[in-house]
C-alpha atoms as a PDB file:
ATOM      1  CA  MET A   1     -83.871  90.975-163.075  1.00  0.00           C
ATOM      2  CA  THR A   2     -85.457  87.536-163.254  1.00  0.00           C
ATOM      3  CA  GLU A   3     -85.769  85.116-160.296  1.00  0.00           C
ATOM      4  CA  LEU A   4     -85.207  81.583-160.289  1.00  0.00           C
ATOM      5  CA  PRO A   5     -87.722  79.277-159.245  1.00  0.00           C
ATOM      6  CA  ALA A   6     -88.053  77.630-155.733  1.00  0.00           C
ATOM      7  CA  ALA A   7     -87.593  74.299-157.008  1.00  0.00           C
ATOM      8  CA  THR A   8     -88.077  72.524-159.795  1.00  0.00           C
ATOM      9  CA  GLN A   9     -90.248  69.003-160.868  1.00  0.00           C
ATOM     10  CA  ARG A  10     -87.178  67.804-162.412  1.00  0.00           C
ATOM     11  CA  SER A  11     -83.365  68.141-163.178  1.00  0.00           C
ATOM     12  CA  MET A  12     -82.848  67.158-166.518  1.00  0.00           C
ATOM     13  CA  GLY A  13     -79.053  67.522-167.393  1.00  0.00           C
ATOM     14  CA  LEU A  14     -75.834  65.473-168.612  1.00  0.00           C
ATOM     15  CA  VAL A  15     -73.330  63.204-167.395  1.00  0.00           C
ATOM     16  CA  ILE A  16     -70.482  63.351-169.340  1.00  0.00           C
ATOM     17  CA  ASP A  17     -67.674  60.559-169.045  1.00  0.00           C
ATOM     18  CA  LEU A  18     -64.077  61.805-169.182  1.00  0.00           C
ATOM     19  CA  ASP A  19     -62.819  58.422-169.637  1.00  0.00           C
ATOM     20  CA  THR A  20     -64.719  57.324-172.667  1.00  0.00           C
ATOM     21  CA  CYS A  21     -64.433  60.727-174.297  1.00  0.00           C
ATOM     22  CA  VAL A  22     -62.435  60.331-177.486  1.00  0.00           C
ATOM     23  CA  GLY A  23     -62.534  64.268-178.251  1.00  0.00           C
ATOM     24  CA  CYS A  24     -63.623  63.332-181.682  1.00  0.00           C
ATOM     25  CA  GLN A  25     -66.237  66.522-181.979  1.00  0.00           C
ATOM     26  CA  ALA A  26     -68.875  64.299-183.140  1.00  0.00           C
ATOM     27  CA  CYS A  27     -71.086  66.127-180.533  1.00  0.00           C
ATOM     28  CA  VAL A  28     -69.782  69.592-181.380  1.00  0.00           C
ATOM     29  CA  ILE A  29     -70.804  68.889-185.358  1.00  0.00           C
ATOM     30  CA  SER A  30     -74.278  67.438-184.428  1.00  0.00           C
ATOM     31  CA  CYS A  31     -74.991  70.444-182.107  1.00  0.00           C
ATOM     32  CA  LYS A  32     -74.075  73.018-184.368  1.00  0.00           C
ATOM     33  CA  GLY A  33     -76.186  71.404-187.126  1.00  0.00           C
ATOM     34  CA  TRP A  34     -79.264  70.558-185.297  1.00  0.00           C
ATOM     35  CA  ASN A  35     -79.766  74.021-184.016  1.00  0.00           C
ATOM     36  CA  THR A  36     -78.678  75.642-187.033  1.00  0.00           C
ATOM     37  CA  GLU A  37     -81.118  73.899-189.153  1.00  0.00           C
ATOM     38  CA  ASN A  38     -84.269  73.536-185.935  1.00  0.00           C
ATOM     39  CA  TYR A  39     -84.067  75.441-182.806  1.00  0.00           C
ATOM     40  CA  GLY A  40     -84.563  79.330-183.184  1.00  0.00           C
ATOM     41  CA  ALA A  41     -82.367  81.480-185.190  1.00  0.00           C
ATOM     42  CA  PRO A  42     -79.597  79.436-186.742  1.00  0.00           C
ATOM     43  CA  LEU A  43     -76.216  79.701-185.354  1.00  0.00           C
ATOM     44  CA  SER A  44     -74.482  81.819-187.592  1.00  0.00           C
ATOM     45  CA  ASP A  45     -70.618  82.253-188.765  1.00  0.00           C
ATOM     46  CA  GLN A  46     -68.757  85.086-189.683  1.00  0.00           C
ATOM     47  CA  ASP A  47     -66.022  85.133-192.425  1.00  0.00           C
ATOM     48  CA  ALA A  48     -66.242  81.204-192.223  1.00  0.00           C
ATOM     49  CA  TYR A  49     -63.413  81.119-194.568  1.00  0.00           C
ATOM     50  CA  GLY A  50     -61.591  84.446-194.454  1.00  0.00           C
ATOM     51  CA  ALA A  51     -58.368  85.371-192.151  1.00  0.00           C
ATOM     52  CA  ALA A  52     -60.578  85.467-188.633  1.00  0.00           C
ATOM     53  CA  PRO A  53     -63.412  83.175-188.998  1.00  0.00           C
ATOM     54  CA  SER A  54     -65.948  83.402-185.788  1.00  0.00           C
ATOM     55  CA  GLY A  55     -69.040  81.362-185.167  1.00  0.00           C
ATOM     56  CA  SER A  56     -71.440  80.707-182.547  1.00  0.00           C
ATOM     57  CA  PHE A  57     -71.337  77.011-181.216  1.00  0.00           C
ATOM     58  CA  LEU A  58     -72.851  75.729-178.099  1.00  0.00           C
ATOM     59  CA  ASN A  59     -70.932  72.891-177.173  1.00  0.00           C
ATOM     60  CA  ARG A  60     -67.295  72.801-177.488  1.00  0.00           C
ATOM     61  CA  VAL A  61     -64.520  70.270-176.924  1.00  0.00           C
ATOM     62  CA  HIS A  62     -61.240  71.264-175.212  1.00  0.00           C
ATOM     63  CA  SER A  63     -58.382  69.014-174.863  1.00  0.00           C
ATOM     64  CA  TYR A  64     -55.906  68.850-171.685  1.00  0.00           C
ATOM     65  CA  GLU A  65     -52.495  66.775-171.078  1.00  0.00           C
ATOM     66  CA  VAL A  66     -52.445  65.879-167.575  1.00  0.00           C
ATOM     67  CA  GLN A  67     -49.650  64.555-165.507  1.00  0.00           C
ATOM     68  CA  PRO A  68     -50.410  62.552-162.685  1.00  0.00           C
ATOM     69  CA  GLU A  69     -48.167  62.268-159.773  1.00  0.00           C
ATOM     70  CA  GLN A  70     -47.396  59.198-160.836  1.00  0.00           C
ATOM     71  CA  GLY A  71     -47.424  57.066-164.294  1.00  0.00           C
ATOM     72  CA  GLN A  72     -47.754  58.291-167.589  1.00  0.00           C
ATOM     73  CA  ALA A  73     -49.261  61.663-168.949  1.00  0.00           C
ATOM     74  CA  GLN A  74     -52.772  61.379-170.184  1.00  0.00           C
ATOM     75  CA  LEU A  75     -54.700  63.488-172.692  1.00  0.00           C
ATOM     76  CA  ILE A  76     -58.000  64.539-171.145  1.00  0.00           C
ATOM     77  CA  HIS A  77     -60.969  65.679-173.765  1.00  0.00           C
ATOM     78  CA  PHE A  78     -63.248  68.081-171.876  1.00  0.00           C
ATOM     79  CA  PRO A  79     -66.334  68.599-173.616  1.00  0.00           C
ATOM     80  CA  LYS A  80     -68.343  71.754-172.131  1.00  0.00           C
ATOM     81  CA  SER A  81     -71.596  73.465-172.428  1.00  0.00           C
ATOM     82  CA  CYS A  82     -74.388  75.024-170.256  1.00  0.00           C
ATOM     83  CA  LEU A  83     -74.431  73.129-167.059  1.00  0.00           C
ATOM     84  CA  HIS A  84     -78.167  74.020-166.186  1.00  0.00           C
ATOM     85  CA  CYS A  85     -76.990  75.113-162.706  1.00  0.00           C
ATOM     86  CA  GLU A  86     -79.411  75.072-160.049  1.00  0.00           C
ATOM     87  CA  ASP A  87     -78.326  78.888-158.622  1.00  0.00           C
ATOM     88  CA  ALA A  88     -77.947  80.175-162.499  1.00  0.00           C
ATOM     89  CA  PRO A  89     -76.486  83.600-161.938  1.00  0.00           C
ATOM     90  CA  CYS A  90     -76.977  83.989-165.713  1.00  0.00           C
ATOM     91  CA  VAL A  91     -80.609  84.190-164.810  1.00  0.00           C
ATOM     92  CA  THR A  92     -80.313  86.485-161.819  1.00  0.00           C
ATOM     93  CA  VAL A  93     -78.329  89.062-163.619  1.00  0.00           C
ATOM     94  CA  CYS A  94     -80.666  89.304-166.898  1.00  0.00           C
ATOM     95  CA  PRO A  95     -82.546  92.759-167.130  1.00  0.00           C
ATOM     96  CA  THR A  96     -84.978  91.964-169.235  1.00  0.00           C
ATOM     97  CA  GLY A  97     -86.206  88.338-167.961  1.00  0.00           C
ATOM     98  CA  ALA A  98     -84.798  86.599-171.259  1.00  0.00           C
ATOM     99  CA  SER A  99     -82.899  83.947-169.821  1.00  0.00           C
ATOM    100  CA  TYR A 100     -85.236  81.881-167.211  1.00  0.00           C
ATOM    101  CA  LYS A 101     -85.088  78.193-165.900  1.00  0.00           C
ATOM    102  CA  ARG A 102     -88.085  75.980-166.041  1.00  0.00           C
ATOM    103  CA  VAL A 103     -89.971  74.557-163.355  1.00  0.00           C
ATOM    104  CA  GLU A 104     -90.862  71.449-164.929  1.00  0.00           C
ATOM    105  CA  ASP A 105     -87.505  70.044-165.907  1.00  0.00           C
ATOM    106  CA  GLY A 106     -84.814  72.743-165.028  1.00  0.00           C
ATOM    107  CA  ILE A 107     -83.695  73.545-168.336  1.00  0.00           C
ATOM    108  CA  VAL A 108     -82.213  77.318-168.667  1.00  0.00           C
ATOM    109  CA  LEU A 109     -83.509  78.620-171.769  1.00  0.00           C
ATOM    110  CA  VAL A 110     -82.866  82.622-173.339  1.00  0.00           C
ATOM    111  CA  ASN A 111     -86.262  83.954-175.075  1.00  0.00           C
ATOM    112  CA  GLU A 112     -84.285  85.486-177.950  1.00  0.00           C
ATOM    113  CA  SER A 113     -87.316  87.935-178.705  1.00  0.00           C
ATOM    114  CA  ASP A 114     -86.798  89.399-175.195  1.00  0.00           C
ATOM    115  CA  CYS A 115     -82.725  89.341-175.633  1.00  0.00           C
ATOM    116  CA  ILE A 116     -80.885  92.805-175.769  1.00  0.00           C
ATOM    117  CA  GLY A 117     -77.498  91.166-176.304  1.00  0.00           C
ATOM    118  CA  CYS A 118     -76.257  92.797-173.560  1.00  0.00           C
ATOM    119  CA  GLY A 119     -73.624  90.097-172.409  1.00  0.00           C
ATOM    120  CA  LEU A 120     -74.610  90.228-168.860  1.00  0.00           C
ATOM    121  CA  CYS A 121     -75.124  86.459-168.548  1.00  0.00           C
ATOM    122  CA  ALA A 122     -71.756  85.854-169.883  1.00  0.00           C
ATOM    123  CA  TRP A 123     -69.952  87.899-167.878  1.00  0.00           C
ATOM    124  CA  SER A 124     -71.333  86.276-164.931  1.00  0.00           C
ATOM    125  CA  CYS A 125     -71.341  82.566-165.905  1.00  0.00           C
ATOM    126  CA  PRO A 126     -68.103  80.744-164.745  1.00  0.00           C
ATOM    127  CA  TYR A 127     -68.126  78.412-167.105  1.00  0.00           C
ATOM    128  CA  GLY A 128     -68.031  80.222-170.497  1.00  0.00           C
ATOM    129  CA  ALA A 129     -71.421  78.668-171.718  1.00  0.00           C
ATOM    130  CA  ARG A 130     -73.118  81.578-173.240  1.00  0.00           C
ATOM    131  CA  GLU A 131     -72.394  82.601-176.767  1.00  0.00           C
ATOM    132  CA  LEU A 132     -73.275  85.804-178.551  1.00  0.00           C
ATOM    133  CA  ASP A 133     -74.228  85.261-182.127  1.00  0.00           C
ATOM    134  CA  LEU A 134     -73.477  88.074-184.026  1.00  0.00           C
ATOM    135  CA  ALA A 135     -75.705  88.020-186.831  1.00  0.00           C
ATOM    136  CA  ALA A 136     -78.837  88.143-184.317  1.00  0.00           C
ATOM    137  CA  GLY A 137     -77.562  90.105-181.912  1.00  0.00           C
ATOM    138  CA  VAL A 138     -78.911  87.831-179.107  1.00  0.00           C
ATOM    139  CA  MET A 139     -77.378  85.650-176.404  1.00  0.00           C
ATOM    140  CA  LYS A 140     -77.447  81.568-177.187  1.00  0.00           C
ATOM    141  CA  LYS A 141     -76.627  78.571-175.242  1.00  0.00           C
ATOM    142  CA  CYS A 142     -77.403  74.926-174.818  1.00  0.00           C
ATOM    143  CA  THR A 143     -81.131  74.112-174.716  1.00  0.00           C
ATOM    144  CA  LEU A 144     -80.684  70.443-173.876  1.00  0.00           C
ATOM    145  CA  CYS A 145     -82.427  70.189-177.187  1.00  0.00           C
ATOM    146  CA  VAL A 146     -86.041  70.851-175.606  1.00  0.00           C
ATOM    147  CA  ASP A 147     -87.056  70.617-179.476  1.00  0.00           C
ATOM    148  CA  ARG A 148     -85.956  67.235-179.555  1.00  0.00           C
ATOM    149  CA  ILE A 149     -86.705  65.682-176.261  1.00  0.00           C
ATOM    150  CA  TYR A 150     -90.555  66.298-176.208  1.00  0.00           C
ATOM    151  CA  ASN A 151     -91.251  65.698-179.660  1.00  0.00           C
ATOM    152  CA  GLU A 152     -93.446  63.236-180.207  1.00  0.00           C
ATOM    153  CA  ASN A 153     -93.000  63.141-184.219  1.00  0.00           C
ATOM    154  CA  LEU A 154     -89.197  61.500-183.287  1.00  0.00           C
ATOM    155  CA  PRO A 155     -88.559  58.252-182.466  1.00  0.00           C
ATOM    156  CA  GLU A 156     -88.228  57.495-179.221  1.00  0.00           C
ATOM    157  CA  GLU A 157     -84.790  56.848-179.185  1.00  0.00           C
ATOM    158  CA  ASP A 158     -84.005  60.376-180.532  1.00  0.00           C
ATOM    159  CA  ARG A 159     -85.805  62.260-178.157  1.00  0.00           C
ATOM    160  CA  ILE A 160     -82.647  62.793-176.048  1.00  0.00           C
ATOM    161  CA  PRO A 161     -79.681  65.394-176.830  1.00  0.00           C
ATOM    162  CA  THR A 162     -78.111  65.333-180.527  1.00  0.00           C
ATOM    163  CA  CYS A 163     -74.766  65.312-178.426  1.00  0.00           C
ATOM    164  CA  VAL A 164     -75.881  62.143-176.795  1.00  0.00           C
ATOM    165  CA  ARG A 165     -77.366  60.348-179.719  1.00  0.00           C
ATOM    166  CA  SER A 166     -74.511  61.394-181.787  1.00  0.00           C
ATOM    167  CA  CYS A 167     -71.652  60.242-179.411  1.00  0.00           C
ATOM    168  CA  PRO A 168     -69.710  56.987-181.078  1.00  0.00           C
ATOM    169  CA  SER A 169     -68.084  56.401-177.603  1.00  0.00           C
ATOM    170  CA  GLY A 170     -70.794  56.530-175.392  1.00  0.00           C
ATOM    171  CA  ALA A 171     -69.633  59.170-173.355  1.00  0.00           C
ATOM    172  CA  ARG A 172     -72.695  61.511-172.881  1.00  0.00           C
ATOM    173  CA  HIS A 173     -75.630  60.350-171.081  1.00  0.00           C
ATOM    174  CA  PHE A 174     -78.842  62.406-170.306  1.00  0.00           C
ATOM    175  CA  GLY A 175     -81.755  61.909-167.775  1.00  0.00           C
ATOM    176  CA  ASP A 176     -82.978  63.363-164.685  1.00  0.00           C
ATOM    177  CA  LEU A 177     -80.198  63.887-162.104  1.00  0.00           C
ATOM    178  CA  GLY A 178     -83.013  65.121-159.466  1.00  0.00           C
ATOM    179  CA  ASP A 179     -84.209  61.674-159.472  1.00  0.00           C
ATOM    180  CA  PRO A 180     -81.809  59.493-157.137  1.00  0.00           C
ATOM    181  CA  ASP A 181     -83.144  56.163-158.667  1.00  0.00           C
ATOM    182  CA  SER A 182     -82.363  57.532-162.520  1.00  0.00           C
ATOM    183  CA  GLU A 183     -79.815  55.941-164.666  1.00  0.00           C
ATOM    184  CA  VAL A 184     -77.650  58.759-164.705  1.00  0.00           C
ATOM    185  CA  SER A 185     -77.797  59.417-160.689  1.00  0.00           C
ATOM    186  CA  ALA A 186     -76.409  55.912-160.676  1.00  0.00           C
ATOM    187  CA  LEU A 187     -73.964  56.310-162.955  1.00  0.00           C
ATOM    188  CA  VAL A 188     -73.033  59.543-160.857  1.00  0.00           C
ATOM    189  CA  ALA A 189     -73.011  57.733-157.534  1.00  0.00           C
ATOM    190  CA  ASP A 190     -71.080  54.547-158.591  1.00  0.00           C
ATOM    191  CA  ARG A 191     -68.324  56.584-160.448  1.00  0.00           C
ATOM    192  CA  GLY A 192     -68.061  59.440-158.073  1.00  0.00           C
ATOM    193  CA  GLY A 193     -69.502  62.241-160.414  1.00  0.00           C
ATOM    194  CA  MET A 194     -68.313  65.113-160.086  1.00  0.00           C
ATOM    195  CA  ASP A 195     -69.451  69.285-160.233  1.00  0.00           C
ATOM    196  CA  LEU A 196     -67.450  71.666-162.444  1.00  0.00           C
ATOM    197  CA  MET A 197     -66.007  74.080-160.413  1.00  0.00           C
ATOM    198  CA  PRO A 198     -68.332  73.686-157.268  1.00  0.00           C
ATOM    199  CA  GLU A 199     -66.420  76.308-155.534  1.00  0.00           C
ATOM    200  CA  MET A 200     -68.502  79.027-157.571  1.00  0.00           C
ATOM    201  CA  GLY A 201     -71.870  77.856-155.699  1.00  0.00           C
ATOM    202  CA  THR A 202     -73.994  77.630-158.717  1.00  0.00           C
ATOM    203  CA  ARG A 203     -74.860  74.092-158.297  1.00  0.00           C
ATOM    204  CA  PRO A 204     -74.598  72.661-161.796  1.00  0.00           C
ATOM    205  CA  VAL A 205     -76.946  69.732-162.836  1.00  0.00           C
ATOM    206  CA  ASN A 206     -74.374  68.176-165.190  1.00  0.00           C
ATOM    207  CA  LYS A 207     -72.161  66.027-163.928  1.00  0.00           C
ATOM    208  CA  TYR A 208     -68.710  64.403-164.963  1.00  0.00           C
ATOM    209  CA  LEU A 209     -67.040  61.480-164.070  1.00  0.00           C
ATOM    210  CA  PRO A 210     -63.524  61.672-163.740  1.00  0.00           C
ATOM    211  CA  PRO A 211     -60.932  59.884-165.875  1.00  0.00           C
ATOM    212  CA  ARG A 212     -59.467  56.364-164.736  1.00  0.00           C
ATOM    213  CA  PRO A 213     -55.761  56.052-164.430  1.00  0.00           C
ATOM    214  CA  LYS A 214     -54.709  54.180-167.892  1.00  0.00           C
ATOM    215  CA  ASP A 215     -51.982  52.621-166.155  1.00  0.00           C
ATOM    216  CA  ARG A 216     -53.605  49.844-165.087  1.00  0.00           C
ATOM    217  CA  LEU A 217     -54.347  48.912-168.517  1.00  0.00           C
ATOM    218  CA  ALA A 218     -50.460  48.911-169.489  1.00  0.00           C
ATOM    219  CA  GLY A 219     -49.701  45.899-167.441  1.00  0.00           C
ATOM    220  CA  ASN A 220     -48.374  47.725-164.388  1.00  0.00           C
ATOM    221  CA  ASN A 221     -51.181  45.526-162.074  1.00  0.00           C
ATOM    222  CA  PRO A 222     -50.617  41.574-162.760  1.00  0.00           C
ATOM    223  CA  GLN A 223     -54.102  41.220-161.313  1.00  0.00           C
ATOM    224  CA  ASP A 224     -55.405  43.087-164.516  1.00  0.00           C
ATOM    225  CA  ILE A 225     -53.388  40.713-166.792  1.00  0.00           C
ATOM    226  CA  ASP A 226     -54.580  37.840-165.019  1.00  0.00           C
ATOM    227  CA  LEU A 227     -58.163  38.892-165.341  1.00  0.00           C
ATOM    228  CA  LEU A 228     -57.769  39.651-169.319  1.00  0.00           C
ATOM    229  CA  ALA A 229     -55.808  36.596-170.020  1.00  0.00           C
ATOM    230  CA  PRO A 230     -58.821  34.212-170.959  1.00  0.00           C
ATOM    231  CA  LEU A 231     -59.917  37.138-173.556  1.00  0.00           C
ATOM    232  CA  LEU A 232     -56.421  37.347-174.930  1.00  0.00           C
ATOM    233  CA  SER A 233     -56.618  33.459-175.886  1.00  0.00           C
ATOM    234  CA  PRO A 234     -55.910  32.613-179.360  1.00  0.00           C
ATOM    235  CA  VAL A 235     -59.518  32.153-181.306  1.00  0.00           C
ATOM    236  CA  ALA A 236     -58.220  29.043-183.224  1.00  0.00           C
ATOM    237  CA  THR A 237     -55.044  26.794-182.475  1.00  0.00           C
ATOM    238  CA  ASP A 238     -54.946  25.292-185.966  1.00  0.00           C
ATOM    239  CA  ALA A 239     -54.850  28.196-188.849  1.00  0.00           C
ATOM    240  CA  ALA A 240     -56.942  27.413-191.815  1.00  0.00           C
ATOM    241  CA  GLY A 241     -57.750  28.599-195.344  1.00  0.00           C
ATOM    242  CA  PHE A 242     -54.645  30.979-196.709  1.00  0.00           C
ATOM    243  CA  LEU A 243     -53.342  31.887-193.635  1.00  0.00           C
ATOM    244  CA  GLY A 244     -52.949  28.092-192.662  1.00  0.00           C
ATOM    245  CA  TRP A 245     -51.299  27.414-195.892  1.00  0.00           C
ATOM    246  CA  LEU A 246     -48.843  30.055-195.693  1.00  0.00           C
ATOM    247  CA  ASP A 247     -48.216  29.186-191.602  1.00  0.00           C
ATOM    248  CA  ARG A 248     -46.867  25.725-192.757  1.00  0.00           C
ATOM    249  CA  ALA A 249     -44.960  27.090-195.942  1.00  0.00           C
ATOM    250  CA  LEU A 250     -42.895  29.135-193.619  1.00  0.00           C
ATOM    251  CA  ASP A 251     -42.340  26.340-191.623  1.00  0.00           C
ATOM    252  CA  LYS A 252     -40.679  24.713-194.768  1.00  0.00           C
ATOM    253  CA  LEU A 253     -38.265  27.184-195.370  1.00  0.00           C
ATOM    254  CA  PRO A 254     -34.649  26.896-193.573  1.00  0.00           C
ATOM    255  CA  GLY A 255     -34.683  28.450-189.910  1.00  0.00           C
ATOM    256  CA  GLY A 256     -38.578  28.602-190.239  1.00  0.00           C
ATOM    257  CA  GLU A 257     -39.530  25.946-187.730  1.00  0.00           C
ATOM    258  CA  ARG A 258     -40.765  27.251-184.541  1.00  0.00           C
END
């Protein structure tokens, strides 16, 4: 069995904002593309265009309709991948040592040359974050794009996980959650970042920012309207160009005076 390091030098991970995730699947597609074309063996698909397609994905987005005690129901998009837990059970159950947690950054990886595809790590992971690649016969998981974040051949802005780089709504953030002064740690502190299933005792590094009630934006709070009022003022009082001509023409019609 593999032992976990007593401590790591950094705790690199993701902060995912459930308030701004729109469920567009851009992170899923970019993750599949990058890891198929770059890291390790490709993420295979079986019977992709048949009756029972299956394949390996390191990141998935689930959508749930949530009904709060008060207010309207909300559609919550919930991205999920490996959370790179401090007490990762997938590491300690591995019989060959293929699963391990790096001391330098806390990233949990799989040495595919040592993996026998027994599936014990998948059974032990409470988050369902392990994938068996049927073509390769080995277990695969999110690597936080370890082949990107340290790649000096890439522009500095690209040295982040591909899911973060491709997110159009800015819902995904990457950094050192072991550093209390990092941007991601400040974001977690400011928004009340949460662990996924903390009762499991895995101490996940990745954090989730809870969604905020949408009723406040629907005008139920008069103070919000007061704050938005300056932004809702007309850009111009007198219409010009074609729209100005159309406005004046409509005013001349019977009953058109406003």
